[in-house]
Amino acid sequence: MDYQVGAGEAANVLIVDDITSNLIILTEMIKSAGYIARPVTSAKQAMAAIKINMPQLILLDISMPDMDGYEFCELLKKDVRTRDIPIIFISAMNSVEDKIKGFKLGAVDFIAKPFELEEVTLRINTHLKIYKMQQELEIYNKRLHKMVNDQIKKITEEEKNFIYALARLSEMKEDVKGVHLRNVGRNCKLLAMSLQFSPKFEKEISNSFVDTIEIAAPLHDIGKIAISDTILLKKGPLTDEEMNIVKTHAKKGADTLKEIYEMNEHNDFLEMAIDIAHYHHEKWNGKGYPEGLKGKEIPLSARIMSVIDVYDALTSERCYKSAYSHEKSMEIINEEAGKSFDADIIEVFNKIQNQLKRG
């Protein structure tokens, strides 16, 4: 016996033929080869037998009443549960056209009547071995897929930790506890997920976009590392000159991330992080900085970030201001819809306001 489905368990072969003498002959041949023979006389009986115990191979007659072998083969190949079972046609119909039709429907072989023991045994052995190898390969691929996914998850977590640590360098001066970073990452992901359900954004926002913006968002102010503490931590209002210096953080942050990106090409989160860092202070009406982009010229990730960043800034306490209430912050943001912010994004933002993380 050449093929085992489990320890001590022989492969079972389903024989479908409406002629009893054929069933008897094939049953004896299969048993002599060391396999379990399961003879049935119709497609209906075959389906019942498959439900009880899935066969490892099917010998299928073509000329049968009710449903012929071709129809039954087509039915089996359409079912995800049975499509991989090897089917060998057994028939006196052995013209080239008959064989071609069978192969096109998914059969793996063709045995002509009358049956020869050696031929039947060799063909069954061959296809059961192939089937076994395919099953083993599928199991191996699943294990490999899991190993790769586990490794990707591990790398992703390490990547997230590195990004968070990098982002904290820019925020520690103003946000000792790191609350702002956690808030913007989570809230950007929440808003992006919600925008997926809007016909206006569903084509632009994939699941990958949603995952990436959560990682990229905390790097939005990485350029503040280059800004003096004297300016960043000033308790009073900034002068025009000081404000212009603060505004340089957007381009400086993007330039820093570009240098890292050049050494890590094809990194989606860095590519998005560059857009967010560079453009999250742009305004829908074109009156933002540093490039004065307008409307959809501003990358979508940056448009999402701008809303979340302003909301978190309004609802958080800073050295130069007290925190606004959620209600007051929402009022301010809605007044800027179509001015500072994309009005379509604000429409969705309003719907998720109670789920936003703040403070």
Protein backbone atom coordinates (compact mmCIF):
# COMPACT_ATOMS: atom_id res chain seq x y z
CA MET A 1 0.00 0.00 0.00
CA ASP A 2 1.55 3.31 -1.12
CA TYR A 3 -0.62 5.96 0.45
CA GLN A 4 -1.85 6.56 3.97
CA VAL A 5 -4.22 9.37 5.04
CA GLY A 6 -3.33 8.86 8.66
CA ALA A 7 -1.57 6.44 10.95
CA GLY A 8 -2.85 3.00 10.02
CA GLU A 9 -5.59 4.41 7.80
CA ALA A 10 -5.63 3.44 4.12
CA ALA A 11 -6.73 5.86 1.40
CA ASN A 12 -10.33 5.38 0.33
CA VAL A 13 -11.33 5.33 -3.33
CA LEU A 14 -14.89 6.12 -4.37
CA ILE A 15 -16.09 4.13 -7.42
CA VAL A 16 -19.11 5.55 -9.27
CA ASP A 17 -20.58 3.24 -11.94
CA ASP A 18 -24.16 2.13 -12.62
CA ILE A 19 -23.01 -1.31 -13.86
CA THR A 20 -22.65 -3.76 -10.98
CA SER A 21 -20.08 -6.01 -12.72
CA ASN A 22 -17.76 -3.03 -13.19
CA LEU A 23 -18.10 -2.12 -9.51
CA ILE A 24 -17.20 -5.66 -8.46
CA ILE A 25 -14.12 -5.80 -10.70
CA LEU A 26 -12.80 -2.38 -9.64
CA THR A 27 -13.55 -3.03 -5.97
CA GLU A 28 -11.38 -6.16 -6.04
CA MET A 29 -8.59 -4.36 -7.89
CA ILE A 30 -8.56 -1.50 -5.39
CA LYS A 31 -8.59 -3.86 -2.42
CA SER A 32 -5.73 -5.88 -3.88
CA ALA A 33 -3.74 -2.63 -4.17
CA GLY A 34 -4.24 -2.08 -0.43
CA TYR A 35 -6.85 0.67 -0.51
CA ILE A 36 -10.44 0.97 0.74
CA ALA A 37 -13.00 0.61 -2.08
CA ARG A 38 -16.35 2.38 -1.77
CA PRO A 39 -18.63 1.39 -4.67
CA VAL A 40 -21.82 3.34 -5.50
CA THR A 41 -24.15 3.22 -8.51
CA SER A 42 -25.09 6.89 -9.04
CA ALA A 43 -24.01 10.50 -8.56
CA LYS A 44 -26.67 10.88 -5.85
CA GLN A 45 -25.22 7.97 -3.86
CA ALA A 46 -21.72 9.35 -4.46
CA MET A 47 -22.66 12.72 -2.92
CA ALA A 48 -24.06 10.95 0.14
CA ALA A 49 -20.86 8.90 0.46
CA ILE A 50 -18.69 12.03 0.16
CA LYS A 51 -20.59 13.71 3.01
CA ILE A 52 -19.93 10.71 5.26
CA ASN A 53 -16.23 10.39 4.43
CA MET A 54 -14.21 12.45 1.96
CA PRO A 55 -12.47 10.17 -0.59
CA GLN A 56 -8.85 10.65 -1.66
CA LEU A 57 -9.65 9.63 -5.26
CA ILE A 58 -12.76 9.09 -7.38
CA LEU A 59 -13.16 6.61 -10.26
CA LEU A 60 -16.07 7.98 -12.27
CA ASP A 61 -18.05 6.40 -15.11
CA ILE A 62 -19.26 8.74 -17.86
CA SER A 63 -22.46 7.06 -19.07
CA MET A 64 -24.87 7.01 -16.13
CA PRO A 65 -28.62 7.76 -15.77
CA ASP A 66 -29.93 10.95 -14.09
CA MET A 67 -26.52 12.69 -14.01
CA ASP A 68 -23.65 11.58 -16.24
CA GLY A 69 -19.99 11.60 -15.23
CA TYR A 70 -19.19 14.86 -16.97
CA GLU A 71 -21.95 16.73 -15.12
CA PHE A 72 -20.97 15.19 -11.79
CA CYS A 73 -17.30 16.06 -12.34
CA GLU A 74 -18.23 19.67 -13.10
CA LEU A 75 -20.34 19.79 -9.94
CA LEU A 76 -17.49 18.47 -7.79
CA LYS A 77 -14.97 20.94 -9.25
CA LYS A 78 -17.23 23.89 -8.43
CA ASP A 79 -17.42 22.91 -4.75
CA VAL A 80 -14.50 24.18 -2.66
CA ARG A 81 -14.72 21.08 -0.46
CA THR A 82 -14.31 18.58 -3.31
CA ARG A 83 -12.54 20.47 -6.10
CA ASP A 84 -9.08 19.11 -5.24
CA ILE A 85 -10.08 15.43 -5.16
CA PRO A 86 -8.44 13.71 -8.18
CA ILE A 87 -11.02 12.24 -10.59
CA ILE A 88 -10.22 9.45 -13.05
CA PHE A 89 -12.85 8.76 -15.70
CA ILE A 90 -13.61 5.06 -16.38
CA SER A 91 -15.49 4.44 -19.61
CA ALA A 92 -15.76 2.55 -22.86
CA MET A 93 -15.99 6.02 -24.43
CA ASN A 94 -12.31 6.55 -25.13
CA SER A 95 -12.12 8.79 -28.18
CA VAL A 96 -9.78 11.79 -28.18
CA GLU A 97 -12.79 14.10 -27.94
CA ASP A 98 -14.13 12.25 -24.90
CA LYS A 99 -10.78 12.46 -23.14
CA ILE A 100 -10.27 16.14 -23.97
CA LYS A 101 -13.72 16.98 -22.61
CA GLY A 102 -12.92 15.11 -19.38
CA PHE A 103 -9.59 16.83 -18.92
CA LYS A 104 -11.12 20.25 -19.52
CA LEU A 105 -13.63 19.55 -16.75
CA GLY A 106 -10.77 18.83 -14.34
CA ALA A 107 -10.20 15.07 -14.51
CA VAL A 108 -6.62 13.91 -13.97
CA ASP A 109 -6.72 10.69 -15.99
CA PHE A 110 -8.79 8.34 -18.16
CA ILE A 111 -9.01 4.53 -17.88
CA ALA A 112 -10.71 2.71 -20.74
CA LYS A 113 -12.84 -0.41 -20.33
CA PRO A 114 -12.21 -3.36 -20.14
CA PHE A 115 -9.98 -2.87 -17.07
CA GLU A 116 -6.47 -4.23 -16.69
CA LEU A 117 -5.32 -4.81 -13.09
CA GLU A 118 -1.79 -3.51 -13.60
CA GLU A 119 -2.94 -0.37 -15.42
CA VAL A 120 -5.62 0.46 -12.83
CA THR A 121 -3.21 -0.13 -9.95
CA LEU A 122 -0.43 2.00 -11.46
CA ARG A 123 -2.73 4.90 -12.29
CA ILE A 124 -4.36 4.88 -8.85
CA ASN A 125 -0.97 4.68 -7.10
CA THR A 126 0.39 7.55 -9.20
CA HIS A 127 -2.49 9.93 -8.58
CA LEU A 128 -2.76 9.13 -4.89
CA LYS A 129 0.95 9.91 -4.52
CA ILE A 130 0.48 13.21 -6.36
CA TYR A 131 -2.56 14.01 -4.22
CA LYS A 132 -0.58 13.26 -1.06
CA MET A 133 2.28 15.51 -2.19
CA GLN A 134 -0.18 18.32 -2.97
CA GLN A 135 -1.71 18.00 0.49
CA GLU A 136 1.72 18.04 2.14
CA LEU A 137 2.71 21.06 0.05
CA GLU A 138 -0.48 22.87 1.09
CA ILE A 139 0.24 22.14 4.76
CA TYR A 140 3.82 23.34 4.30
CA ASN A 141 2.64 26.53 2.57
CA LYS A 142 0.20 27.24 5.40
CA ARG A 143 2.95 26.79 7.97
CA LEU A 144 5.31 28.96 5.94
CA HIS A 145 2.60 31.61 5.54
CA LYS A 146 2.05 31.63 9.30
CA MET A 147 5.79 31.90 9.97
CA VAL A 148 6.11 34.82 7.55
CA ASN A 149 3.06 36.57 9.02
CA ASP A 150 4.38 36.08 12.56
CA GLN A 151 7.72 37.55 11.50
CA ILE A 152 6.03 40.50 9.80
CA LYS A 153 4.00 41.17 12.94
CA LYS A 154 7.17 41.05 15.00
CA ILE A 155 8.93 43.47 12.64
CA THR A 156 5.87 45.73 12.59
CA GLU A 157 5.77 45.90 16.39
CA GLU A 158 9.49 46.67 16.54
CA GLU A 159 8.98 49.27 13.84
CA LYS A 160 6.11 50.86 15.76
CA ASN A 161 8.19 51.01 18.94
CA PHE A 162 11.06 52.65 17.06
CA ILE A 163 8.74 55.18 15.43
CA TYR A 164 7.08 56.00 18.73
CA ALA A 165 10.47 56.53 20.38
CA LEU A 166 11.56 58.76 17.49
CA ALA A 167 8.35 60.76 17.64
CA ARG A 168 8.64 61.17 21.40
CA LEU A 169 11.92 63.03 20.88
CA SER A 170 10.01 65.81 19.15
CA GLU A 171 7.10 65.87 21.59
CA MET A 172 8.79 65.52 25.00
CA LYS A 173 9.33 69.24 25.31
CA GLU A 174 5.61 70.04 25.06
CA ASP A 175 3.97 66.71 25.93
CA VAL A 176 5.84 64.98 28.76
CA LYS A 177 3.40 62.07 29.06
CA GLY A 178 3.18 61.36 25.33
CA VAL A 179 -0.62 61.56 25.33
CA HIS A 180 -0.73 63.59 22.11
CA LEU A 181 1.13 60.92 20.14
CA ARG A 182 -1.18 58.13 21.28
CA ASN A 183 -4.25 60.24 20.61
CA VAL A 184 -3.35 61.30 17.07
CA GLY A 185 -2.38 57.78 16.03
CA ARG A 186 -5.58 56.23 17.31
CA ASN A 187 -7.85 59.06 16.14
CA CYS A 188 -6.32 59.20 12.64
CA LYS A 189 -6.94 55.46 12.30
CA LEU A 190 -10.52 55.87 13.56
CA LEU A 191 -11.26 58.70 11.14
CA ALA A 192 -9.64 56.88 8.19
CA MET A 193 -11.67 53.74 8.95
CA SER A 194 -14.85 55.80 9.03
CA LEU A 195 -14.00 57.55 5.76
CA GLN A 196 -13.75 54.10 4.12
CA PHE A 197 -17.53 53.87 4.34
CA SER A 198 -18.02 57.17 2.51
CA PRO A 199 -18.44 56.91 -1.29
CA LYS A 200 -16.26 60.02 -1.59
CA PHE A 201 -13.25 58.31 -0.04
CA GLU A 202 -13.73 54.53 -0.33
CA LYS A 203 -11.54 54.25 -3.45
CA GLU A 204 -8.67 56.17 -1.81
CA ILE A 205 -8.64 54.47 1.57
CA SER A 206 -7.63 50.82 1.76
CA ASN A 207 -7.09 48.69 4.86
CA SER A 208 -3.38 49.24 4.35
CA PHE A 209 -3.93 53.03 4.35
CA VAL A 210 -5.77 52.75 7.68
CA ASP A 211 -2.99 50.72 9.30
CA THR A 212 -0.26 52.93 7.88
CA ILE A 213 -1.72 56.25 9.00
CA GLU A 214 -1.84 55.02 12.60
CA ILE A 215 1.93 54.43 12.47
CA ALA A 216 2.81 57.51 10.41
CA ALA A 217 0.69 60.10 12.23
CA PRO A 218 2.86 60.36 15.38
CA LEU A 219 5.77 61.60 13.23
CA HIS A 220 3.88 64.72 12.10
CA ASP A 221 5.90 67.12 14.29
CA ILE A 222 9.28 65.39 14.09
CA GLY A 223 10.70 68.66 12.73
CA LYS A 224 10.17 70.37 16.09
CA ILE A 225 13.40 68.74 17.26
CA ALA A 226 15.14 71.54 15.34
CA ILE A 227 13.11 74.31 17.02
CA SER A 228 14.50 76.07 20.09
CA ASP A 229 12.91 75.27 23.49
CA THR A 230 12.77 78.99 24.14
CA ILE A 231 10.22 79.33 21.35
CA LEU A 232 8.34 76.06 21.77
CA LEU A 233 7.87 76.46 25.53
CA LYS A 234 7.20 80.19 25.52
CA LYS A 235 4.16 80.94 27.69
CA GLY A 236 3.19 84.14 25.99
CA PRO A 237 2.20 84.79 22.37
CA LEU A 238 4.88 84.32 19.73
CA THR A 239 6.27 87.19 17.68
CA ASP A 240 5.95 87.07 13.90
CA GLU A 241 9.60 86.10 13.65
CA GLU A 242 9.18 83.30 16.21
CA MET A 243 6.07 82.02 14.44
CA ASN A 244 7.94 81.89 11.15
CA ILE A 245 10.65 79.82 12.83
CA VAL A 246 8.03 77.41 14.23
CA LYS A 247 6.52 77.03 10.76
CA THR A 248 9.82 75.67 9.45
CA HIS A 249 9.24 72.47 11.42
CA ALA A 250 6.98 71.10 8.69
CA LYS A 251 9.62 71.16 5.96
CA LYS A 252 12.44 70.22 8.33
CA GLY A 253 10.50 67.21 9.52
CA ALA A 254 9.72 66.10 5.96
CA ASP A 255 13.37 66.54 4.92
CA THR A 256 14.54 64.43 7.89
CA LEU A 257 12.12 61.64 7.01
CA LYS A 258 13.12 61.81 3.35
CA GLU A 259 16.72 61.09 4.32
CA ILE A 260 15.57 57.99 6.22
CA TYR A 261 13.26 56.99 3.34
CA GLU A 262 16.12 57.08 0.84
CA MET A 263 17.80 54.35 2.88
CA ASN A 264 14.54 52.37 3.26
CA GLU A 265 12.77 52.61 -0.09
CA HIS A 266 9.33 51.07 -0.61
CA ASN A 267 8.45 51.73 3.02
CA ASP A 268 4.79 52.79 2.93
CA PHE A 269 4.62 54.30 6.38
CA LEU A 270 7.66 56.53 5.78
CA GLU A 271 6.24 57.73 2.48
CA MET A 272 2.98 58.67 4.21
CA ALA A 273 4.83 60.13 7.19
CA ILE A 274 6.69 62.50 4.84
CA ASP A 275 3.39 63.76 3.40
CA ILE A 276 1.87 64.19 6.86
CA ALA A 277 4.91 65.99 8.31
CA HIS A 278 5.20 68.28 5.29
CA TYR A 279 1.55 69.17 4.68
CA HIS A 280 -0.46 68.79 7.92
CA HIS A 281 -0.53 72.58 8.35
CA GLU A 282 -1.84 73.22 4.84
CA LYS A 283 -5.41 74.55 4.66
CA TRP A 284 -8.25 73.65 2.33
CA ASN A 285 -8.51 77.28 1.18
CA GLY A 286 -4.80 77.50 0.34
CA LYS A 287 -3.86 79.78 3.28
CA GLY A 288 -1.78 77.24 5.16
CA TYR A 289 1.94 76.50 5.16
CA PRO A 290 4.63 75.68 4.05
CA GLU A 291 3.58 75.34 0.38
CA GLY A 292 0.18 77.03 0.30
CA LEU A 293 -1.49 73.97 -1.24
CA LYS A 294 -5.23 74.11 -1.80
CA GLY A 295 -8.06 71.56 -1.73
CA LYS A 296 -7.18 68.10 -3.01
CA GLU A 297 -3.65 69.22 -3.80
CA ILE A 298 -3.10 68.39 -0.13
CA PRO A 299 -2.51 64.63 0.34
CA LEU A 300 -5.46 62.89 1.96
CA SER A 301 -3.35 61.62 4.85
CA ALA A 302 -2.34 65.20 5.68
CA ARG A 303 -5.96 66.41 5.42
CA ILE A 304 -6.99 63.77 7.94
CA MET A 305 -4.04 64.60 10.19
CA SER A 306 -4.79 68.32 10.18
CA VAL A 307 -8.26 67.75 11.64
CA ILE A 308 -7.06 65.31 14.29
CA ASP A 309 -4.04 67.47 15.21
CA VAL A 310 -6.13 70.59 15.72
CA TYR A 311 -8.78 68.70 17.71
CA ASP A 312 -6.17 67.26 20.05
CA ALA A 313 -4.42 70.62 20.42
CA LEU A 314 -7.73 72.31 21.29
CA THR A 315 -8.77 69.71 23.88
CA SER A 316 -5.30 69.50 25.51
CA GLU A 317 -3.61 71.78 27.99
CA ARG A 318 -0.38 73.41 26.89
CA CYS A 319 2.13 75.70 28.60
CA TYR A 320 0.61 78.63 26.73
CA LYS A 321 -3.11 77.70 26.95
CA SER A 322 -5.82 75.87 28.86
CA ALA A 323 -7.78 73.00 27.32
CA TYR A 324 -11.05 73.72 25.54
CA SER A 325 -14.08 71.52 26.14
CA HIS A 326 -14.99 68.90 23.54
CA GLU A 327 -18.09 70.90 22.60
CA LYS A 328 -16.15 74.16 22.12
CA SER A 329 -13.44 72.35 20.14
CA MET A 330 -16.04 70.81 17.81
CA GLU A 331 -17.62 74.21 17.31
CA ILE A 332 -14.28 75.77 16.33
CA ILE A 333 -13.47 72.91 13.93
CA ASN A 334 -16.89 73.03 12.26
CA GLU A 335 -16.51 76.77 11.70
CA GLU A 336 -13.37 75.95 9.69
CA ALA A 337 -15.02 73.34 7.44
CA GLY A 338 -14.35 74.35 3.85
CA LYS A 339 -11.74 76.86 5.06
CA SER A 340 -8.99 75.14 7.02
CA PHE A 341 -10.44 71.65 6.59
CA ASP A 342 -11.94 69.42 3.91
CA ALA A 343 -15.71 69.75 4.54
CA ASP A 344 -16.33 66.13 3.50
CA ILE A 345 -13.89 64.93 6.14
CA ILE A 346 -15.50 67.14 8.79
CA GLU A 347 -18.90 65.64 7.93
CA VAL A 348 -17.60 62.18 8.86
CA PHE A 349 -15.57 63.57 11.78
CA ASN A 350 -18.80 64.86 13.35
CA LYS A 351 -20.32 61.38 13.22
CA ILE A 352 -17.46 59.79 15.20
CA GLN A 353 -16.82 62.64 17.66
CA ASN A 354 -17.98 60.66 20.70
CA GLN A 355 -15.47 57.88 19.95
CA LEU A 356 -12.45 60.19 19.80
CA LYS A 357 -9.70 59.76 22.36
CA ARG A 358 -8.73 62.99 24.05
CA GLY A 359 -7.02 64.49 27.08
